[in-house]
Amino acid sequence: MIDVPVIDPEKCNGCGLCVEVCQHDVLLLVGEIVTVNTANDCDWCTNCEIVCAEGALTCPFEIVIS
């Protein structure tokens, strides 16, 4: 399974902030809902999750620096 951000379409208001901060075009705004473009690789920066004021986006991974 590819680790990508998970979007709750019921919470997403389509503001597009997460799309703007995504450096690898993993997130796309389609209509009024953000979707995941699995053709591109997520670099797990979690910026999308940070800017989502609605809590509609979660990153199911954790970066551990040892």
C-alpha atoms as a PDB file:
ATOM      1  CA  MET A   1       0.000   0.000   0.000  1.00  0.00           C
ATOM      2  CA  ILE A   2       1.215   3.489  -0.851  1.00  0.00           C
ATOM      3  CA  ASP A   3       1.208   5.905   2.057  1.00  0.00           C
ATOM      4  CA  VAL A   4      -0.685   8.987   0.937  1.00  0.00           C
ATOM      5  CA  PRO A   5      -2.830  11.545   2.740  1.00  0.00           C
ATOM      6  CA  VAL A   6      -6.375  10.415   3.500  1.00  0.00           C
ATOM      7  CA  ILE A   7      -9.193  12.859   2.784  1.00  0.00           C
ATOM      8  CA  ASP A   8     -12.580  12.864   4.498  1.00  0.00           C
ATOM      9  CA  PRO A   9     -14.863  14.238   1.759  1.00  0.00           C
ATOM     10  CA  GLU A  10     -17.550  15.127   4.294  1.00  0.00           C
ATOM     11  CA  LYS A  11     -15.168  17.518   6.077  1.00  0.00           C
ATOM     12  CA  CYS A  12     -13.389  18.911   3.003  1.00  0.00           C
ATOM     13  CA  ASN A  13     -14.680  22.367   2.055  1.00  0.00           C
ATOM     14  CA  GLY A  14     -12.623  22.585  -1.134  1.00  0.00           C
ATOM     15  CA  CYS A  15     -10.543  25.571  -0.022  1.00  0.00           C
ATOM     16  CA  GLY A  16      -7.478  24.181  -1.834  1.00  0.00           C
ATOM     17  CA  LEU A  17      -4.866  25.198   0.753  1.00  0.00           C
ATOM     18  CA  CYS A  18      -3.544  21.639   0.932  1.00  0.00           C
ATOM     19  CA  VAL A  19      -3.236  21.537  -2.862  1.00  0.00           C
ATOM     20  CA  GLU A  20      -1.231  24.775  -2.800  1.00  0.00           C
ATOM     21  CA  VAL A  21       1.300  23.475  -0.243  1.00  0.00           C
ATOM     22  CA  CYS A  22       1.721  20.039  -1.843  1.00  0.00           C
ATOM     23  CA  GLN A  23       5.177  20.109  -3.421  1.00  0.00           C
ATOM     24  CA  HIS A  24       4.679  16.977  -5.531  1.00  0.00           C
ATOM     25  CA  ASP A  25       1.148  17.441  -6.924  1.00  0.00           C
ATOM     26  CA  VAL A  26      -0.188  14.517  -4.908  1.00  0.00           C
ATOM     27  CA  LEU A  27      -3.335  16.473  -4.056  1.00  0.00           C
ATOM     28  CA  LEU A  28      -5.763  17.753  -6.672  1.00  0.00           C
ATOM     29  CA  LEU A  29      -8.881  19.892  -6.399  1.00  0.00           C
ATOM     30  CA  VAL A  30     -11.627  18.197  -8.400  1.00  0.00           C
ATOM     31  CA  GLY A  31     -14.823  20.197  -8.310  1.00  0.00           C
ATOM     32  CA  GLU A  32     -15.177  21.169  -4.668  1.00  0.00           C
ATOM     33  CA  ILE A  33     -13.362  18.184  -3.144  1.00  0.00           C
ATOM     34  CA  VAL A  34      -9.656  17.403  -2.816  1.00  0.00           C
ATOM     35  CA  THR A  35      -8.574  14.026  -4.165  1.00  0.00           C
ATOM     36  CA  VAL A  36      -5.308  12.085  -4.131  1.00  0.00           C
ATOM     37  CA  ASN A  37      -3.273  11.707  -7.307  1.00  0.00           C
ATOM     38  CA  THR A  38      -1.561   8.339  -6.765  1.00  0.00           C
ATOM     39  CA  ALA A  39       0.465   8.809  -9.963  1.00  0.00           C
ATOM     40  CA  ASN A  40       2.809  11.070  -7.992  1.00  0.00           C
ATOM     41  CA  ASP A  41       4.827  10.105  -4.933  1.00  0.00           C
ATOM     42  CA  CYS A  42       4.131  11.806  -1.616  1.00  0.00           C
ATOM     43  CA  ASP A  43       7.288  12.897   0.208  1.00  0.00           C
ATOM     44  CA  TRP A  44       5.473  12.730   3.586  1.00  0.00           C
ATOM     45  CA  CYS A  45       6.076  16.361   4.520  1.00  0.00           C
ATOM     46  CA  THR A  46       2.604  16.562   6.242  1.00  0.00           C
ATOM     47  CA  ASN A  47       2.231  20.233   5.219  1.00  0.00           C
ATOM     48  CA  CYS A  48      -1.199  19.409   3.800  1.00  0.00           C
ATOM     49  CA  GLU A  49      -2.397  18.071   7.145  1.00  0.00           C
ATOM     50  CA  ILE A  50      -1.018  21.125   8.968  1.00  0.00           C
ATOM     51  CA  VAL A  51      -2.878  23.678   6.793  1.00  0.00           C
ATOM     52  CA  CYS A  52      -6.232  21.860   6.797  1.00  0.00           C
ATOM     53  CA  ALA A  53      -8.356  23.903   9.206  1.00  0.00           C
ATOM     54  CA  GLU A  54     -11.313  21.551   8.731  1.00  0.00           C
ATOM     55  CA  GLY A  55      -9.386  18.458   9.837  1.00  0.00           C
ATOM     56  CA  ALA A  56     -10.408  16.789   6.588  1.00  0.00           C
ATOM     57  CA  LEU A  57      -6.949  15.537   5.771  1.00  0.00           C
ATOM     58  CA  THR A  58      -4.818  13.109   7.763  1.00  0.00           C
ATOM     59  CA  CYS A  59      -1.459  11.579   7.042  1.00  0.00           C
ATOM     60  CA  PRO A  60      -1.383   7.893   8.051  1.00  0.00           C
ATOM     61  CA  PHE A  61       2.345   7.877   8.569  1.00  0.00           C
ATOM     62  CA  GLU A  62       4.840   9.177  11.066  1.00  0.00           C
ATOM     63  CA  ILE A  63       8.302  10.467  10.306  1.00  0.00           C
ATOM     64  CA  VAL A  64      10.884   9.322  12.825  1.00  0.00           C
ATOM     65  CA  ILE A  65      14.360  10.800  12.764  1.00  0.00           C
ATOM     66  CA  SER A  66      16.899   8.728  14.595  1.00  0.00           C
END
